[in-house]
Amino acid sequence: MTQHLADALPTSTGTQPGWWREAVIYQVYPRSFADSNGDGMGDLEGIRSRLPYLKELGVDAVWLSPFYASPQADAGYDVADYRAIDPMFGTLHDADAVIREAHELGLRIIVDLVPNHCSDQHEWFKQALREGPGTPLRERFHFRPGQGADGSEPPNDWESIFGGPAWTRVADGEWYLHLFAPEQPDFNWEHPAVQDEFRSILRFWLDLGADGFRIDVAHGLVKAPGLPDLGRDEQLKLLGNQVLPFFDQDGVHEIYRSWRLVLDEYAGDRIGVAEAWTPSADRTAMYLRPDELHQAFNFHYLNTGWDAEALRATIDESLDSMRPVGAPTTWVLSNHDVVRHRTRFGTLEKARAAALLMLALPGSAYVYQGEELGLPEVVDLPDEVRQDPSFFKANGQDGLRDGCRVPIPWSGDQAPYGFGTGGSWLPQPAEWAGLSVEAQTGDPESTLELYRSALQVRRAHPALGAGDAVEWLPAPAGVLAFRRGDFVCTVNTTDEPVRLPAQGTVLLASGDLAEPDVLPADCTVWWQG
């Protein structure tokens, strides 16, 4: 396998901001994007074949959810081999081809890395089970004796994110920690071998040409000393609200400082992006200090409803928190773990308006596959087709993540709508025929053409993209209005039209702007001021 050091995309110069500071990054969920071989499952060759679509859409980079060798207990987030491709997705040569062709098109590739846990089929874990208590391989995980006279109770009261206890007992009587599924044992990041192994994994993918990493559960690698009890149940409700003994421990930052040194060894501005659920934006900013990572997902924004006052508060808090560490703020509305924002907000009109607001804000934005088509959540999947592991557990996540993972429609009037030739691993709704790429292309009223236009304006307009502030303008209740240079964005989050003076020449609107001084309900307008 040849290295890509020679054909990495250019490094930013002193006159240009780092590309990640203003990038629009498109998330591809590989099993649901495009199927090249007719087995009903998306794959790397399918992704490669659709890269020109992403180039035409106008994004800057593509984040690929996991495609590693995996038993697929949690859709690939249970990794058995971090240097191999699961056969369902293709081969390492296919991954190489995706990276090469993306670079030829001027697109960067972000690889999803899963460092908190692996698969129970990972060679380290299988060997740890074989060798038994007290052996070196068990020290690379969190094995503990149980509580009670016979050790039949878990070592502490931690609960799995997917429901049930965060511990599973093995045949020799010890228990191992898994904050997610039992098939996903947590690594012990206090062990030097774990740290060395992941630095090696980083270099493997960087040598192959990856432009960076989205770091899964970046907040979870380090656990509090002694693994103390939390002292209450329904622990999932505390996620993102307070410091927990298994999440957002200060020790994670030393890990990311060591990773930054690796990233900086490579040309082309390679980056690290944290999936970090923290109690506050200030805590998130700690992952983005100058010697740590480059970006973090803004879950506080994602969780904000369609309400002007709440949105303004979150925008201000997000920008204010990132400014002291010199990091770009990121904005995201949907991903593979949450209900699609069209369904969350209730209407397509709100979803379109929210998209234009997000793309007008300073910093970097994330687009989840299919949101540019205005896809809704699929809420009526039969139980027998669901694969989300938390669907089968109590007291965990709601288990309904499959609804945002249904394969996207490309063309035609019958399922699988150009996704492939052999059906799709999750059934697609009949009404998606009118939402396909083919159906929307060339229709100026379509959501796809709205995204294409927005990304074209964003790329061309000097006031958009990178930045760390907005100038708020006076606006009626329920309306947001802000300026960035000679660009103005107005947003009506109410269900009634609002009279507001025109702010200049209209660049783009998410809805029908019949009168320039009347902002329609649930509508965002971009102006050249």
Protein backbone atom coordinates (compact mmCIF):
# COMPACT_ATOMS: atom_id res chain seq x y z
CA MET A 1 0.00 0.00 0.00
CA THR A 2 1.57 3.28 -1.08
CA GLN A 3 1.74 6.29 1.17
CA HIS A 4 0.01 9.56 0.44
CA LEU A 5 2.49 11.94 1.97
CA ALA A 6 3.34 13.34 -1.45
CA ASP A 7 -0.27 14.04 -2.51
CA ALA A 8 -1.74 15.36 0.71
CA LEU A 9 -3.80 18.50 0.21
CA PRO A 10 -1.97 21.79 0.79
CA THR A 11 -1.07 23.11 4.21
CA SER A 12 -2.66 26.44 5.13
CA THR A 13 -0.37 29.45 4.92
CA GLY A 14 -0.02 32.45 7.17
CA THR A 15 -2.44 34.37 4.91
CA GLN A 16 -5.09 31.62 4.99
CA PRO A 17 -6.94 30.23 7.99
CA GLY A 18 -6.65 26.52 8.66
CA TRP A 19 -9.10 24.80 6.33
CA TRP A 20 -11.00 23.30 9.27
CA ARG A 21 -11.88 26.74 10.61
CA GLU A 22 -14.54 27.25 7.95
CA ALA A 23 -15.01 23.82 6.40
CA VAL A 24 -18.38 22.26 5.65
CA ILE A 25 -17.89 18.60 6.49
CA TYR A 26 -20.30 15.96 5.16
CA GLN A 27 -20.90 12.85 7.23
CA VAL A 28 -21.19 9.59 5.31
CA TYR A 29 -22.67 6.61 7.14
CA PRO A 30 -21.10 3.94 4.89
CA ARG A 31 -23.73 1.22 5.12
CA SER A 32 -26.45 3.68 4.09
CA PHE A 33 -24.82 5.86 1.42
CA ALA A 34 -24.34 3.80 -1.75
CA ASP A 35 -24.17 0.06 -2.48
CA SER A 36 -21.88 -0.96 -5.35
CA ASN A 37 -22.31 -4.74 -5.30
CA GLY A 38 -26.04 -5.28 -4.76
CA ASP A 39 -25.86 -6.85 -1.32
CA GLY A 40 -28.13 -4.20 0.20
CA MET A 41 -25.32 -2.69 2.25
CA GLY A 42 -23.43 0.47 1.37
CA ASP A 43 -19.69 0.14 0.80
CA LEU A 44 -16.49 2.01 0.04
CA GLU A 45 -16.74 1.57 -3.72
CA GLY A 46 -20.23 3.03 -3.53
CA ILE A 47 -18.83 6.01 -1.66
CA ARG A 48 -16.04 6.45 -4.22
CA SER A 49 -18.55 6.43 -7.07
CA ARG A 50 -20.58 9.22 -5.45
CA LEU A 51 -17.70 11.55 -4.56
CA PRO A 52 -18.44 13.78 -7.60
CA TYR A 53 -21.91 14.39 -6.13
CA LEU A 54 -20.33 15.64 -2.91
CA LYS A 55 -17.93 17.84 -4.86
CA GLU A 56 -20.88 19.33 -6.77
CA LEU A 57 -22.81 19.79 -3.54
CA GLY A 58 -20.01 22.09 -2.40
CA VAL A 59 -18.67 20.49 0.78
CA ASP A 60 -15.00 20.65 1.78
CA ALA A 61 -14.46 17.33 3.52
CA VAL A 62 -16.09 13.96 4.07
CA TRP A 63 -16.26 12.22 7.43
CA LEU A 64 -16.62 8.46 7.08
CA SER A 65 -18.24 6.57 9.96
CA PRO A 66 -16.44 3.31 10.83
CA PHE A 67 -15.63 0.81 8.10
CA TYR A 68 -13.12 -1.29 10.08
CA ALA A 69 -13.21 -5.05 10.52
CA SER A 70 -15.99 -5.61 13.03
CA PRO A 71 -18.62 -8.15 14.11
CA GLN A 72 -21.08 -5.22 13.74
CA ALA A 73 -22.57 -5.51 17.21
CA ASP A 74 -22.87 -1.71 17.13
CA ALA A 75 -22.75 -0.87 13.43
CA GLY A 76 -18.94 -0.91 13.28
CA TYR A 77 -18.26 0.99 16.49
CA ASP A 78 -17.06 -2.36 17.87
CA VAL A 79 -13.71 -2.62 16.12
CA ALA A 80 -11.86 -5.93 15.88
CA ASP A 81 -8.96 -4.62 13.77
CA TYR A 82 -8.21 -0.91 13.33
CA ARG A 83 -5.97 -1.50 10.32
CA ALA A 84 -8.33 -3.68 8.30
CA ILE A 85 -11.55 -3.05 6.38
CA ASP A 86 -14.63 -5.12 7.10
CA PRO A 87 -15.38 -7.26 4.02
CA MET A 88 -18.94 -5.90 3.94
CA PHE A 89 -17.43 -2.51 3.02
CA GLY A 90 -14.56 -3.68 0.78
CA THR A 91 -10.81 -3.80 1.15
CA LEU A 92 -7.94 -1.58 2.19
CA HIS A 93 -7.37 -0.90 -1.51
CA ASP A 94 -10.92 0.41 -1.71
CA ALA A 95 -10.24 2.75 1.21
CA ASP A 96 -7.06 3.89 -0.54
CA ALA A 97 -9.07 4.58 -3.70
CA VAL A 98 -11.63 6.67 -1.79
CA ILE A 99 -8.90 8.82 -0.26
CA ARG A 100 -7.05 9.22 -3.54
CA GLU A 101 -10.10 10.17 -5.59
CA ALA A 102 -11.34 12.53 -2.89
CA HIS A 103 -8.00 14.33 -2.96
CA GLU A 104 -8.12 14.54 -6.75
CA LEU A 105 -11.50 16.28 -6.38
CA GLY A 106 -10.17 18.63 -3.71
CA LEU A 107 -12.08 16.90 -0.90
CA ARG A 108 -10.52 15.89 2.40
CA ILE A 109 -11.28 12.65 4.24
CA ILE A 110 -11.91 12.39 7.98
CA VAL A 111 -11.73 8.86 9.39
CA ASP A 112 -13.82 7.82 12.39
CA LEU A 113 -11.59 6.52 15.20
CA VAL A 114 -13.01 4.54 18.15
CA PRO A 115 -10.48 4.65 21.02
CA ASN A 116 -12.68 4.23 24.10
CA HIS A 117 -13.49 0.60 23.41
CA CYS A 118 -12.95 -2.18 20.90
CA SER A 119 -14.79 -5.36 19.96
CA ASP A 120 -14.80 -8.40 22.19
CA GLN A 121 -13.34 -10.09 19.08
CA HIS A 122 -10.24 -7.87 19.15
CA GLU A 123 -7.16 -10.07 19.53
CA TRP A 124 -6.08 -8.32 22.73
CA PHE A 125 -9.40 -9.01 24.43
CA LYS A 126 -9.62 -12.60 23.26
CA GLN A 127 -6.11 -13.23 24.56
CA ALA A 128 -6.98 -11.52 27.86
CA LEU A 129 -9.89 -13.92 28.30
CA ARG A 130 -7.73 -16.93 27.51
CA GLU A 131 -4.89 -15.96 29.87
CA GLY A 132 -7.09 -15.28 32.90
CA PRO A 133 -6.95 -13.03 36.00
CA GLY A 134 -3.77 -11.16 36.82
CA THR A 135 -2.20 -11.52 33.38
CA PRO A 136 -0.69 -8.60 31.43
CA LEU A 137 -3.34 -8.46 28.68
CA ARG A 138 -6.11 -7.97 31.24
CA GLU A 139 -4.37 -4.79 32.38
CA ARG A 140 -5.14 -3.25 28.98
CA PHE A 141 -8.85 -3.37 29.87
CA HIS A 142 -10.80 -2.79 33.09
CA PHE A 143 -11.08 -6.24 34.67
CA ARG A 144 -12.16 -6.32 38.32
CA PRO A 145 -13.38 -8.84 40.88
CA GLY A 146 -17.05 -8.58 41.71
CA GLN A 147 -18.63 -7.41 44.94
CA GLY A 148 -20.40 -9.60 47.47
CA ALA A 149 -19.23 -12.73 49.23
CA ASP A 150 -19.15 -14.72 46.01
CA GLY A 151 -18.23 -11.83 43.70
CA SER A 152 -21.58 -12.08 41.94
CA GLU A 153 -22.31 -8.35 42.02
CA PRO A 154 -20.75 -5.84 39.58
CA PRO A 155 -17.66 -3.96 40.82
CA ASN A 156 -19.58 -0.66 40.92
CA ASP A 157 -22.97 0.82 40.05
CA TRP A 158 -22.13 2.25 36.62
CA GLU A 159 -24.74 1.78 33.93
CA SER A 160 -24.18 1.14 30.25
CA ILE A 161 -25.22 3.89 27.84
CA PHE A 162 -27.15 1.17 26.03
CA GLY A 163 -28.92 0.03 29.21
CA GLY A 164 -28.22 -2.44 31.99
CA PRO A 165 -25.02 -2.64 34.04
CA ALA A 166 -21.73 -1.45 32.54
CA TRP A 167 -20.10 -4.71 33.62
CA THR A 168 -20.18 -8.28 32.33
CA ARG A 169 -18.87 -11.30 34.22
CA VAL A 170 -16.66 -13.83 32.47
CA ALA A 171 -16.30 -17.56 33.15
CA ASP A 172 -13.38 -17.20 35.60
CA GLY A 173 -15.45 -14.87 37.81
CA GLU A 174 -13.92 -11.48 36.95
CA TRP A 175 -15.93 -8.64 35.46
CA TYR A 176 -14.96 -6.28 32.63
CA LEU A 177 -16.15 -2.72 32.02
CA HIS A 178 -18.11 -1.73 28.92
CA LEU A 179 -19.76 1.68 28.92
CA PHE A 180 -21.65 0.63 25.81
CA ALA A 181 -22.57 -2.90 24.65
CA PRO A 182 -21.09 -6.00 26.35
CA GLU A 183 -19.40 -6.66 22.99
CA GLN A 184 -17.48 -3.37 23.41
CA PRO A 185 -14.95 -3.68 26.28
CA ASP A 186 -13.39 -0.38 27.37
CA PHE A 187 -9.66 0.06 27.02
CA ASN A 188 -7.59 1.02 30.06
CA TRP A 189 -5.93 4.22 28.89
CA GLU A 190 -3.61 4.26 31.88
CA HIS A 191 -1.71 1.41 30.20
CA PRO A 192 1.26 2.48 28.01
CA ALA A 193 0.58 -0.26 25.46
CA VAL A 194 -2.85 1.18 24.72
CA GLN A 195 -1.39 4.65 24.24
CA ASP A 196 1.38 3.34 21.98
CA GLU A 197 -1.04 1.28 19.92
CA PHE A 198 -3.30 4.20 19.12
CA ARG A 199 -0.45 6.48 18.15
CA SER A 200 0.56 3.73 15.74
CA ILE A 201 -3.02 3.51 14.40
CA LEU A 202 -3.04 7.27 13.85
CA ARG A 203 0.15 7.03 11.80
CA PHE A 204 -1.21 4.10 9.77
CA TRP A 205 -4.17 6.13 8.51
CA LEU A 206 -2.21 9.36 8.19
CA ASP A 207 0.32 7.53 6.02
CA LEU A 208 -2.59 6.34 3.88
CA GLY A 209 -3.60 9.96 3.36
CA ALA A 210 -6.38 10.55 5.89
CA ASP A 211 -6.77 14.25 6.61
CA GLY A 212 -7.90 13.75 10.18
CA PHE A 213 -9.96 11.83 12.68
CA ARG A 214 -13.37 12.15 14.24
CA ILE A 215 -12.76 10.76 17.72
CA ASP A 216 -15.66 8.70 19.04
CA VAL A 217 -16.47 9.12 22.75
CA ALA A 218 -13.48 11.45 23.09
CA HIS A 219 -14.66 12.33 26.59
CA GLY A 220 -14.67 8.74 27.84
CA LEU A 221 -11.12 7.40 27.65
CA VAL A 222 -10.05 8.14 31.23
CA LYS A 223 -12.03 6.96 34.27
CA ALA A 224 -11.88 8.42 37.76
CA PRO A 225 -9.30 6.71 40.04
CA GLY A 226 -10.78 3.75 41.87
CA LEU A 227 -13.85 3.66 39.60
CA PRO A 228 -16.12 5.13 42.31
CA ASP A 229 -19.86 4.49 42.52
CA LEU A 230 -22.10 7.16 41.06
CA GLY A 231 -24.76 6.60 43.70
CA ARG A 232 -27.87 6.81 41.54
CA ASP A 233 -29.67 5.14 38.65
CA GLU A 234 -30.90 6.52 35.33
CA GLN A 235 -27.36 7.73 34.78
CA LEU A 236 -27.87 8.40 31.07
CA LYS A 237 -29.97 11.44 32.02
CA LEU A 238 -26.84 12.98 33.53
CA LEU A 239 -24.86 12.76 30.28
CA GLY A 240 -23.85 16.23 29.18
CA ASN A 241 -25.26 17.78 32.35
CA GLN A 242 -22.63 17.13 35.01
CA VAL A 243 -19.18 15.62 35.47
CA LEU A 244 -19.35 11.84 35.72
CA PRO A 245 -16.64 9.47 37.00
CA PHE A 246 -16.45 7.77 33.60
CA PHE A 247 -16.73 10.83 31.31
CA ASP A 248 -14.88 14.12 30.79
CA GLN A 249 -12.09 13.39 33.23
CA ASP A 250 -9.16 15.79 33.05
CA GLY A 251 -6.74 12.99 32.21
CA VAL A 252 -8.04 12.81 28.63
CA HIS A 253 -6.22 16.00 27.75
CA GLU A 254 -2.77 14.51 28.13
CA ILE A 255 -3.79 11.86 25.57
CA TYR A 256 -4.86 14.45 23.04
CA ARG A 257 -1.71 16.49 23.56
CA SER A 258 0.27 13.41 22.55
CA TRP A 259 -1.98 12.89 19.53
CA ARG A 260 -1.52 16.49 18.44
CA LEU A 261 2.21 15.88 18.25
CA VAL A 262 1.53 13.00 15.85
CA LEU A 263 -0.86 15.05 13.71
CA ASP A 264 1.64 17.88 13.47
CA GLU A 265 4.26 15.53 12.07
CA TYR A 266 2.32 15.42 8.81
CA ALA A 267 1.91 17.99 6.06
CA GLY A 268 -1.52 19.13 4.94
CA ASP A 269 -3.14 20.32 8.16
CA ARG A 270 -4.30 16.97 9.58
CA ILE A 271 -6.91 17.46 12.30
CA GLY A 272 -8.60 15.85 15.29
CA VAL A 273 -12.32 16.34 15.95
CA ALA A 274 -13.72 15.46 19.37
CA GLU A 275 -17.09 13.88 19.95
CA ALA A 276 -17.15 15.20 23.50
CA TRP A 277 -20.31 15.26 25.58
CA THR A 278 -19.51 17.71 28.36
CA PRO A 279 -21.53 19.64 30.95
CA SER A 280 -20.78 23.01 29.37
CA ALA A 281 -19.31 24.72 26.33
CA ASP A 282 -16.39 25.82 28.52
CA ARG A 283 -15.56 22.18 29.26
CA THR A 284 -15.77 21.39 25.54
CA ALA A 285 -13.33 24.20 24.81
CA MET A 286 -10.70 22.49 26.97
CA TYR A 287 -10.37 19.80 24.27
CA LEU A 288 -9.45 22.52 21.78
CA ARG A 289 -6.59 24.29 23.48
CA PRO A 290 -3.77 25.08 21.01
CA ASP A 291 -1.82 21.91 21.80
CA GLU A 292 -4.80 19.54 21.71
CA LEU A 293 -7.52 18.95 19.09
CA HIS A 294 -8.83 21.23 16.35
CA GLN A 295 -12.62 20.93 16.54
CA ALA A 296 -15.36 19.51 18.75
CA PHE A 297 -18.97 18.79 17.95
CA ASN A 298 -21.33 21.41 19.30
CA PHE A 299 -23.96 19.22 20.93
CA HIS A 300 -25.29 22.18 22.88
CA TYR A 301 -26.34 23.72 19.56
CA LEU A 302 -27.72 20.45 18.22
CA ASN A 303 -29.91 20.12 21.31
CA THR A 304 -31.31 23.66 21.07
CA GLY A 305 -34.88 23.92 19.85
CA TRP A 306 -36.35 26.13 17.15
CA ASP A 307 -36.63 29.19 19.35
CA ALA A 308 -34.94 32.52 18.69
CA GLU A 309 -34.09 33.35 22.29
CA ALA A 310 -32.64 29.89 22.99
CA LEU A 311 -30.71 29.85 19.73
CA ARG A 312 -29.17 33.25 20.36
CA ALA A 313 -28.09 32.21 23.86
CA THR A 314 -26.49 29.01 22.55
CA ILE A 315 -24.76 30.82 19.69
CA ASP A 316 -23.32 33.41 22.07
CA GLU A 317 -22.22 30.80 24.59
CA SER A 318 -20.61 28.68 21.88
CA LEU A 319 -18.66 31.56 20.33
CA ASP A 320 -17.67 32.99 23.70
CA SER A 321 -16.35 29.61 24.90
CA MET A 322 -14.23 28.89 21.83
CA ARG A 323 -12.74 32.37 21.49
CA PRO A 324 -10.30 32.12 24.46
CA VAL A 325 -8.71 28.94 23.08
CA GLY A 326 -8.62 30.22 19.50
CA ALA A 327 -10.69 27.31 18.19
CA PRO A 328 -13.45 27.49 15.58
CA THR A 329 -17.00 26.91 16.72
CA THR A 330 -18.79 24.06 14.95
CA TRP A 331 -22.47 23.82 14.13
CA VAL A 332 -24.48 20.66 13.53
CA LEU A 333 -28.16 19.80 13.22
CA SER A 334 -28.20 16.03 12.60
CA ASN A 335 -25.99 12.95 12.74
CA HIS A 336 -26.25 9.16 12.87
CA ASP A 337 -27.19 9.11 16.57
CA VAL A 338 -30.08 11.60 16.72
CA VAL A 339 -33.51 12.11 15.19
CA ARG A 340 -33.18 13.99 11.90
CA HIS A 341 -33.80 17.68 12.43
CA ARG A 342 -36.67 17.88 9.94
CA THR A 343 -38.62 15.54 12.21
CA ARG A 344 -37.24 17.04 15.41
CA PHE A 345 -38.34 20.55 14.46
CA GLY A 346 -41.61 19.33 13.00
CA THR A 347 -41.63 20.71 9.43
CA LEU A 348 -39.50 20.91 6.32
CA GLU A 349 -39.81 24.70 6.41
CA LYS A 350 -38.14 24.83 9.82
CA ALA A 351 -35.45 22.39 8.71
CA ARG A 352 -34.60 24.52 5.66
CA ALA A 353 -34.52 27.70 7.72
CA ALA A 354 -32.32 26.03 10.35
CA ALA A 355 -29.88 24.92 7.65
CA LEU A 356 -29.41 28.46 6.34
CA LEU A 357 -28.94 29.77 9.88
CA MET A 358 -26.31 27.11 10.62
CA LEU A 359 -24.41 27.79 7.39
CA ALA A 360 -24.36 31.54 8.08
CA LEU A 361 -22.68 31.22 11.48
CA PRO A 362 -18.92 31.72 11.89
CA GLY A 363 -16.88 28.54 11.99
CA SER A 364 -17.30 25.05 10.59
CA ALA A 365 -20.54 23.21 9.81
CA TYR A 366 -21.44 19.53 9.62
CA VAL A 367 -24.02 18.10 7.22
CA TYR A 368 -25.36 14.58 7.77
CA GLN A 369 -26.04 12.54 4.65
CA GLY A 370 -29.58 13.06 3.41
CA GLU A 371 -30.28 16.29 5.27
CA GLU A 372 -29.55 18.14 2.01
CA LEU A 373 -32.51 16.17 0.59
CA GLY A 374 -34.78 17.18 3.44
CA LEU A 375 -35.14 13.58 4.58
CA PRO A 376 -37.35 13.00 7.61
CA GLU A 377 -36.74 10.42 10.31
CA VAL A 378 -38.23 7.01 9.50
CA VAL A 379 -40.36 6.44 12.58
CA ASP A 380 -42.24 3.28 11.63
CA LEU A 381 -39.51 0.69 11.07
CA PRO A 382 -40.68 -2.80 12.04
CA ASP A 383 -39.07 -4.17 15.18
CA GLU A 384 -37.69 -7.15 13.28
CA VAL A 385 -35.44 -4.99 11.06
CA ARG A 386 -33.98 -2.81 13.81
CA GLN A 387 -30.28 -3.24 14.61
CA ASP A 388 -29.54 -0.54 17.19
CA PRO A 389 -28.25 -2.52 20.21
CA SER A 390 -29.91 -0.18 22.68
CA PHE A 391 -33.31 -1.06 21.17
CA PHE A 392 -33.01 -4.42 22.91
CA LYS A 393 -32.02 -3.00 26.31
CA ALA A 394 -33.86 -1.24 29.11
CA ASN A 395 -32.78 2.01 30.77
CA GLY A 396 -30.45 3.03 27.96
CA GLN A 397 -30.77 5.18 24.85
CA ASP A 398 -34.19 5.02 23.23
CA GLY A 399 -32.92 2.46 20.73
CA LEU A 400 -34.45 4.24 17.76
CA ARG A 401 -31.28 5.40 16.00
CA ASP A 402 -32.03 3.18 13.00
CA GLY A 403 -34.59 5.75 11.86
CA CYS A 404 -31.89 8.23 10.84
CA ARG A 405 -29.74 5.51 9.26
CA VAL A 406 -32.10 4.37 6.48
CA PRO A 407 -30.23 4.32 3.12
CA ILE A 408 -30.62 7.56 1.19
CA PRO A 409 -32.48 7.79 -2.17
CA TRP A 410 -30.58 8.61 -5.34
CA SER A 411 -32.93 8.00 -8.26
CA GLY A 412 -36.01 6.21 -9.56
CA ASP A 413 -39.56 5.89 -8.28
CA GLN A 414 -39.24 2.58 -6.43
CA ALA A 415 -37.06 1.39 -3.56
CA PRO A 416 -34.11 1.14 -3.23
CA TYR A 417 -34.09 4.39 -5.25
CA GLY A 418 -30.69 3.93 -6.84
CA PHE A 419 -29.00 3.01 -3.57
CA GLY A 420 -28.03 -0.32 -5.14
CA THR A 421 -29.48 -3.21 -7.11
CA GLY A 422 -30.25 -5.59 -4.26
CA GLY A 423 -32.60 -3.77 -1.90
CA SER A 424 -31.45 -1.99 1.24
CA TRP A 425 -30.58 -3.21 4.73
CA LEU A 426 -33.31 -1.01 6.19
CA PRO A 427 -36.56 -0.43 4.25
CA GLN A 428 -37.04 2.97 2.61
CA PRO A 429 -40.41 4.76 2.69
CA ALA A 430 -42.48 4.96 -0.51
CA GLU A 431 -42.66 8.74 -0.27
CA TRP A 432 -38.90 9.04 -0.64
CA ALA A 433 -39.21 8.77 -4.44
CA GLY A 434 -39.89 12.49 -4.55
CA LEU A 435 -36.93 13.25 -2.29
CA SER A 436 -34.22 11.55 -4.34
CA VAL A 437 -31.20 13.34 -5.72
CA GLU A 438 -32.55 12.81 -9.23
CA ALA A 439 -36.00 14.18 -8.38
CA GLN A 440 -34.61 17.31 -6.73
CA THR A 441 -31.75 18.16 -9.08
CA GLY A 442 -32.60 21.19 -11.19
CA ASP A 443 -35.71 22.07 -9.18
CA PRO A 444 -35.02 25.57 -7.81
CA GLU A 445 -37.56 25.04 -5.01
CA SER A 446 -35.96 21.79 -3.77
CA THR A 447 -34.01 21.40 -0.57
CA LEU A 448 -31.06 19.93 -2.48
CA GLU A 449 -30.77 23.03 -4.66
CA LEU A 450 -31.12 25.22 -1.56
CA TYR A 451 -28.09 23.48 0.00
CA ARG A 452 -26.13 23.70 -3.25
CA SER A 453 -26.87 27.43 -3.53
CA ALA A 454 -26.08 28.06 0.13
CA LEU A 455 -22.73 26.30 -0.07
CA GLN A 456 -21.86 28.17 -3.26
CA VAL A 457 -22.64 31.53 -1.64
CA ARG A 458 -20.83 30.54 1.55
CA ARG A 459 -17.70 29.66 -0.40
CA ALA A 460 -17.76 32.83 -2.48
CA HIS A 461 -18.80 35.44 0.09
CA PRO A 462 -15.82 36.91 1.97
CA ALA A 463 -17.88 37.54 5.14
CA LEU A 464 -18.90 33.89 5.55
CA GLY A 465 -16.94 30.91 6.82
CA ALA A 466 -14.23 31.45 9.41
CA GLY A 467 -14.77 33.89 12.26
CA ASP A 468 -15.53 34.09 15.95
CA ALA A 469 -18.31 36.65 16.34
CA VAL A 470 -21.58 37.99 15.00
CA GLU A 471 -23.05 41.48 15.38
CA TRP A 472 -26.62 41.15 16.62
CA LEU A 473 -29.12 43.56 15.11
CA PRO A 474 -32.41 44.74 16.63
CA ALA A 475 -35.25 42.34 15.83
CA PRO A 476 -38.80 41.57 17.01
CA ALA A 477 -39.51 38.74 19.43
CA GLY A 478 -39.00 35.35 17.80
CA VAL A 479 -36.62 36.77 15.18
CA LEU A 480 -32.84 36.65 14.92
CA ALA A 481 -30.88 39.17 12.89
CA PHE A 482 -27.11 39.43 12.73
CA ARG A 483 -24.43 40.98 10.58
CA ARG A 484 -21.06 39.63 9.47
CA GLY A 485 -19.28 42.32 7.52
CA ASP A 486 -21.59 43.25 4.64
CA PHE A 487 -23.62 40.05 5.04
CA VAL A 488 -26.85 39.95 7.06
CA CYS A 489 -28.89 36.94 8.14
CA THR A 490 -32.48 37.21 9.35
CA VAL A 491 -34.39 34.28 10.85
CA ASN A 492 -38.07 34.07 11.79
CA THR A 493 -38.64 31.17 14.21
CA THR A 494 -42.33 31.97 14.70
CA ASP A 495 -45.32 30.54 12.84
CA GLU A 496 -46.46 33.96 11.63
CA PRO A 497 -44.95 36.41 9.11
CA VAL A 498 -43.04 39.30 10.68
CA ARG A 499 -42.56 42.74 9.20
CA LEU A 500 -38.86 43.59 9.14
CA PRO A 501 -37.11 46.18 6.98
CA ALA A 502 -35.19 44.77 4.04
CA GLN A 503 -31.49 44.46 4.82
CA GLY A 504 -30.19 44.96 1.30
CA THR A 505 -30.19 42.64 -1.70
CA VAL A 506 -31.52 39.12 -1.17
CA LEU A 507 -28.85 36.47 -1.70
CA LEU A 508 -30.89 33.42 -0.71
CA ALA A 509 -34.06 32.54 1.19
CA SER A 510 -35.29 29.26 2.63
CA GLY A 511 -38.88 30.11 1.74
CA ASP A 512 -40.95 32.26 -0.61
CA LEU A 513 -40.09 35.90 0.01
CA ALA A 514 -43.11 37.58 -1.56
CA GLU A 515 -42.40 40.99 -0.01
CA PRO A 516 -38.86 42.13 0.85
CA ASP A 517 -39.97 43.75 4.11
CA VAL A 518 -41.99 40.75 5.32
CA LEU A 519 -40.09 37.78 6.74
CA PRO A 520 -42.23 34.66 6.26
CA ALA A 521 -42.93 32.22 9.07
CA ASP A 522 -40.12 29.75 9.77
CA CYS A 523 -37.85 31.31 7.20
CA THR A 524 -34.21 32.42 6.97
CA VAL A 525 -33.01 35.05 4.49
CA TRP A 526 -29.44 35.91 3.51
CA TRP A 527 -28.82 39.52 2.48
CA GLN A 528 -26.00 41.45 0.88
CA GLY A 529 -26.04 44.49 3.17
